[in-house]
Amino acid sequence: MDIDIKLKNLRVKLRQNSREIINDILVRNVPRIRSKNKSKKEICVFCANQDNLTKEHVLPKWTFENCTKEFFVTNINGSEQTYNKTTIPVCADCNNNLLSNVESYIISILNDTDLSNSFFNNEQLQNIIRWLEIIEYKFQLLEIRRKFIKSKSSQYLEYLRDIPISIMRTNIDYSPNKALTEIRLAQKRVTQKSKASNQNSLVIFKTKNESFYFFHHLNDFIFLELPKFGIALFYFYSRKFENVEDAKNEAMEIIKTVYE
């Protein structure tokens, strides 16, 4: 299948260039290193190419139906950012030839599957997982690129103005090294071919809600509600379950907490 070739090419590119991408993150985003290399050009976060860079949306625009008013809030300082402006640098080839084809495939299988009378096959489930893991990788990169900016709802500390938000997340102990470790884990997930052992970590619900909804916790889980397709997806990135019912029960507890 064409999608298999696209995904393989994406895995190969990222695997071959992962070290250069990590080094670029160090130079560009870790303060004690960045000050020495202010002129370094941006690179593609999948293949490290510096040419023909585009702005790749972390959440694909079709997921939030291109709405320019949809936004998320960073829990560290309460700042808001619209999904439409939430992008990272990706070269034209990776964006238009690889990522766009993956998204077109996902749209196609979501459109073609009515959960009332059918379900995804194993390969489709694994490809949904691959797509969600690509989103996680993009969010990891976004977090280390974003800075602690002034928010109306929280105190602003001047000395934090150049610190990446990912370094300030309490669950990784404010450590640049641990932030990079999480990015490496996200890279590793994207570059691993088989997702058979992860299938029970993906929970798929029918939904009748009319509005897009999204929340996630880096290196832990993601929830995407896609009303256009009548589907909601919950995936545990770093956990494996003996059966999907266990994952579903835990996902429901998290969803109830967030919605309440």
Protein backbone atom coordinates (compact mmCIF):
# COMPACT_ATOMS: atom_id res chain seq x y z
CA MET A 1 0.00 0.00 0.00
CA ASP A 2 1.08 3.57 -0.67
CA ILE A 3 0.50 4.52 2.99
CA ASP A 4 2.95 1.81 4.08
CA ILE A 5 5.64 3.33 1.86
CA LYS A 6 4.95 6.85 3.16
CA LEU A 7 5.12 5.75 6.77
CA LYS A 8 8.29 3.76 6.14
CA ASN A 9 9.95 6.76 4.48
CA LEU A 10 8.98 8.95 7.43
CA ARG A 11 10.39 6.44 9.91
CA VAL A 12 13.64 6.13 7.97
CA LYS A 13 14.10 9.89 7.66
CA LEU A 14 13.54 10.48 11.35
CA ARG A 15 15.71 7.54 12.40
CA GLN A 16 18.60 8.70 10.22
CA ASN A 17 18.41 12.31 11.40
CA SER A 18 17.27 11.98 15.01
CA ARG A 19 20.67 12.86 16.47
CA GLU A 20 21.02 15.99 14.33
CA ILE A 21 17.50 17.06 15.30
CA ILE A 22 18.27 16.62 19.01
CA ASN A 23 21.51 18.59 18.62
CA ASP A 24 19.57 21.36 16.90
CA ILE A 25 17.10 21.44 19.80
CA LEU A 26 20.01 21.82 22.22
CA VAL A 27 21.51 24.69 20.24
CA ARG A 28 18.22 26.42 19.60
CA ASN A 29 16.23 25.88 22.77
CA VAL A 30 18.44 25.23 25.80
CA PRO A 31 19.45 28.68 27.10
CA ARG A 32 23.04 28.00 28.16
CA ILE A 33 23.83 26.66 24.68
CA ARG A 34 21.55 28.81 22.54
CA SER A 35 23.33 32.08 23.34
CA LYS A 36 26.42 30.91 21.47
CA ASN A 37 24.57 30.01 18.26
CA LYS A 38 21.96 32.69 17.61
CA SER A 39 22.33 32.58 13.83
CA LYS A 40 21.66 28.86 13.33
CA LYS A 41 18.97 28.23 10.69
CA GLU A 42 15.81 26.26 11.36
CA ILE A 43 15.69 22.64 10.20
CA CYS A 44 12.94 20.17 9.38
CA VAL A 45 12.07 18.24 12.52
CA PHE A 46 11.73 14.98 10.57
CA CYS A 47 14.66 15.01 8.13
CA ALA A 48 16.86 17.95 9.29
CA ASN A 49 16.68 19.63 5.85
CA GLN A 50 17.12 23.43 5.94
CA ASP A 51 15.56 24.09 2.53
CA ASN A 52 11.93 24.76 1.57
CA LEU A 53 10.66 24.83 5.14
CA THR A 54 6.93 25.06 5.75
CA LYS A 55 4.78 25.52 8.84
CA GLU A 56 3.37 22.16 9.88
CA HIS A 57 0.36 22.31 12.21
CA VAL A 58 0.86 20.26 15.34
CA LEU A 59 -2.82 19.36 15.26
CA PRO A 60 -3.91 19.01 11.63
CA LYS A 61 -6.29 21.79 10.62
CA TRP A 62 -8.99 19.34 9.56
CA THR A 63 -9.25 17.98 13.12
CA PHE A 64 -10.52 21.33 14.41
CA GLU A 65 -12.23 22.09 11.06
CA ASN A 66 -9.90 25.02 10.32
CA CYS A 67 -11.46 27.11 13.10
CA THR A 68 -9.15 30.05 13.85
CA LYS A 69 -10.73 30.59 17.28
CA GLU A 70 -10.08 27.15 18.76
CA PHE A 71 -7.29 27.34 21.34
CA PHE A 72 -5.61 25.46 24.15
CA VAL A 73 -4.30 26.74 27.47
CA THR A 74 -0.84 25.95 28.83
CA ASN A 75 -1.25 24.84 32.43
CA ILE A 76 2.15 26.26 33.45
CA ASN A 77 1.30 29.94 33.04
CA GLY A 78 -2.27 29.97 31.75
CA SER A 79 -1.34 31.36 28.33
CA GLU A 80 -3.62 30.70 25.36
CA GLN A 81 -2.58 29.67 21.86
CA THR A 82 -4.83 28.94 18.90
CA TYR A 83 -4.42 25.61 17.14
CA ASN A 84 -4.28 27.48 13.84
CA LYS A 85 -1.04 29.22 14.87
CA THR A 86 0.49 26.20 16.54
CA THR A 87 3.13 25.07 14.04
CA ILE A 88 6.62 23.64 13.80
CA PRO A 89 9.13 23.73 10.89
CA VAL A 90 8.86 20.85 8.41
CA CYS A 91 10.31 20.76 4.91
CA ALA A 92 7.95 20.76 1.92
CA ASP A 93 8.74 17.14 1.04
CA CYS A 94 8.03 15.76 4.53
CA ASN A 95 4.95 17.95 4.83
CA ASN A 96 3.34 17.57 1.40
CA ASN A 97 4.60 14.14 0.41
CA LEU A 98 4.60 12.24 3.69
CA LEU A 99 2.57 13.85 6.48
CA SER A 100 -0.23 15.01 4.15
CA ASN A 101 -0.59 11.50 2.75
CA VAL A 102 -0.78 10.04 6.25
CA GLU A 103 -3.51 12.52 7.15
CA SER A 104 -5.42 11.84 3.93
CA TYR A 105 -5.33 8.15 4.77
CA ILE A 106 -6.62 8.79 8.30
CA ILE A 107 -9.44 10.98 6.98
CA SER A 108 -10.35 8.25 4.49
CA ILE A 109 -10.63 5.43 7.04
CA LEU A 110 -12.52 7.66 9.50
CA ASN A 111 -14.96 8.57 6.74
CA ASP A 112 -15.41 4.98 5.61
CA THR A 113 -15.99 3.44 9.04
CA ASP A 114 -19.41 3.61 10.67
CA LEU A 115 -18.94 2.34 14.22
CA SER A 116 -22.62 1.34 14.35
CA ASN A 117 -22.01 -1.59 12.02
CA SER A 118 -18.26 -1.97 11.46
CA PHE A 119 -14.84 -1.40 12.97
CA PHE A 120 -11.25 -0.78 11.91
CA ASN A 121 -9.06 -3.72 10.99
CA ASN A 122 -5.75 -4.34 12.75
CA GLU A 123 -3.63 -2.48 10.20
CA GLN A 124 -5.94 0.52 10.31
CA LEU A 125 -5.77 0.56 14.10
CA GLN A 126 -1.99 0.49 13.98
CA ASN A 127 -1.94 3.36 11.49
CA ILE A 128 -4.20 5.45 13.72
CA ILE A 129 -1.69 4.81 16.51
CA ARG A 130 1.19 5.81 14.23
CA TRP A 131 -0.62 9.05 13.39
CA LEU A 132 -1.29 9.86 17.06
CA GLU A 133 2.35 9.19 17.89
CA ILE A 134 3.41 11.63 15.18
CA ILE A 135 1.18 14.23 16.86
CA GLU A 136 2.81 13.49 20.22
CA TYR A 137 6.27 13.99 18.71
CA LYS A 138 5.17 17.32 17.25
CA PHE A 139 3.78 18.43 20.61
CA GLN A 140 7.04 17.50 22.33
CA LEU A 141 8.90 19.74 19.89
CA LEU A 142 6.37 22.53 20.30
CA GLU A 143 6.73 22.51 24.08
CA ILE A 144 10.49 22.86 24.04
CA ARG A 145 10.25 25.65 21.45
CA ARG A 146 7.61 27.65 23.35
CA LYS A 147 8.77 30.16 25.95
CA PHE A 148 7.26 31.25 29.23
CA ILE A 149 5.37 34.36 28.15
CA LYS A 150 3.29 36.80 30.13
CA SER A 151 -0.27 35.72 30.83
CA LYS A 152 -3.22 37.71 32.15
CA SER A 153 -4.07 34.94 34.58
CA SER A 154 -0.69 34.25 36.18
CA GLN A 155 2.41 35.88 37.58
CA TYR A 156 5.19 36.71 35.14
CA LEU A 157 8.77 36.14 36.22
CA GLU A 158 11.29 37.97 34.06
CA TYR A 159 14.10 35.46 34.54
CA LEU A 160 11.89 32.71 33.06
CA ARG A 161 11.31 34.54 29.78
CA ASP A 162 13.82 32.44 27.79
CA ILE A 163 13.08 29.08 29.39
CA PRO A 164 11.23 26.50 27.26
CA ILE A 165 7.85 25.53 28.72
CA SER A 166 8.72 21.83 28.56
CA ILE A 167 11.60 22.36 30.99
CA MET A 168 9.14 23.84 33.50
CA ARG A 169 6.69 20.94 33.52
CA THR A 170 6.65 19.59 37.07
CA ASN A 171 6.43 15.96 35.99
CA ILE A 172 9.94 16.15 34.50
CA ASP A 173 11.51 18.06 37.40
CA TYR A 174 12.42 21.23 35.47
CA SER A 175 15.32 19.41 33.80
CA PRO A 176 16.46 20.11 30.20
CA ASN A 177 17.97 16.62 30.04
CA LYS A 178 14.66 15.01 30.97
CA ALA A 179 12.80 17.17 28.46
CA LEU A 180 15.17 15.89 25.78
CA THR A 181 14.70 12.33 27.01
CA GLU A 182 10.96 12.68 26.43
CA ILE A 183 11.56 13.95 22.90
CA ARG A 184 13.83 10.96 22.24
CA LEU A 185 11.09 8.64 23.50
CA ALA A 186 8.61 10.29 21.14
CA GLN A 187 11.09 9.92 18.26
CA LYS A 188 11.57 6.25 19.12
CA ARG A 189 7.83 5.60 19.06
CA VAL A 190 7.49 7.18 15.61
CA THR A 191 10.42 5.16 14.21
CA GLN A 192 9.17 1.78 15.49
CA LYS A 193 7.31 -0.11 12.77
CA SER A 194 5.00 -2.53 14.58
CA LYS A 195 2.23 -1.24 16.82
CA ALA A 196 0.56 -4.60 17.40
CA SER A 197 1.45 -4.62 21.09
CA ASN A 198 -0.02 -1.11 21.48
CA GLN A 199 -3.47 -1.80 20.04
CA ASN A 200 -5.12 -2.30 23.43
CA SER A 201 -3.86 1.18 24.39
CA LEU A 202 -6.11 2.77 21.77
CA VAL A 203 -9.74 3.30 22.77
CA ILE A 204 -12.28 4.38 20.15
CA PHE A 205 -15.68 5.78 21.11
CA LYS A 206 -18.75 6.80 19.18
CA THR A 207 -19.66 10.41 19.92
CA LYS A 208 -22.67 12.60 19.20
CA ASN A 209 -21.09 15.79 20.51
CA GLU A 210 -21.13 18.58 17.95
CA SER A 211 -17.90 20.33 18.94
CA PHE A 212 -14.25 19.41 18.52
CA TYR A 213 -12.54 18.67 21.82
CA PHE A 214 -8.97 17.84 22.67
CA PHE A 215 -6.70 17.35 25.67
CA HIS A 216 -3.43 15.58 26.23
CA HIS A 217 -0.65 14.95 28.70
CA LEU A 218 2.79 14.68 27.15
CA ASN A 219 4.26 11.17 27.03
CA ASP A 220 1.11 9.88 28.69
CA PHE A 221 -2.16 10.16 26.73
CA ILE A 222 -4.15 12.06 24.12
CA PHE A 223 -7.89 12.53 23.62
CA LEU A 224 -9.32 13.76 20.32
CA GLU A 225 -13.05 14.16 19.74
CA LEU A 226 -13.86 14.48 16.05
CA PRO A 227 -17.59 15.26 15.64
CA LYS A 228 -17.36 15.33 11.85
CA PHE A 229 -16.72 11.58 11.93
CA GLY A 230 -18.75 10.75 15.04
CA ILE A 231 -15.58 9.38 16.63
CA ALA A 232 -13.45 10.09 19.69
CA LEU A 233 -9.96 8.64 20.15
CA PHE A 234 -8.12 8.07 23.42
CA TYR A 235 -4.59 6.68 23.28
CA PHE A 236 -2.11 5.89 26.04
CA TYR A 237 1.32 6.61 24.58
CA SER A 238 3.54 4.92 27.14
CA ARG A 239 1.32 2.21 28.62
CA LYS A 240 0.24 -1.23 27.43
CA PHE A 241 -2.89 -3.07 28.54
CA GLU A 242 -3.86 -6.73 28.59
CA ASN A 243 -7.20 -5.85 27.02
CA VAL A 244 -8.88 -2.77 25.61
CA GLU A 245 -11.57 -2.82 28.32
CA ASP A 246 -8.96 -2.00 30.97
CA ALA A 247 -7.75 0.90 28.85
CA LYS A 248 -11.33 2.05 28.27
CA ASN A 249 -12.14 2.06 31.99
CA GLU A 250 -9.07 4.12 32.79
CA ALA A 251 -9.69 6.47 29.87
CA MET A 252 -13.27 7.05 31.06
CA GLU A 253 -12.04 8.04 34.52
CA ILE A 254 -9.66 10.58 33.00
CA ILE A 255 -12.34 11.92 30.64
CA LYS A 256 -14.81 12.36 33.51
CA THR A 257 -12.22 14.30 35.49
CA VAL A 258 -11.47 16.64 32.60
CA TYR A 259 -15.10 17.22 31.60
CA GLU A 260 -16.16 17.88 35.18
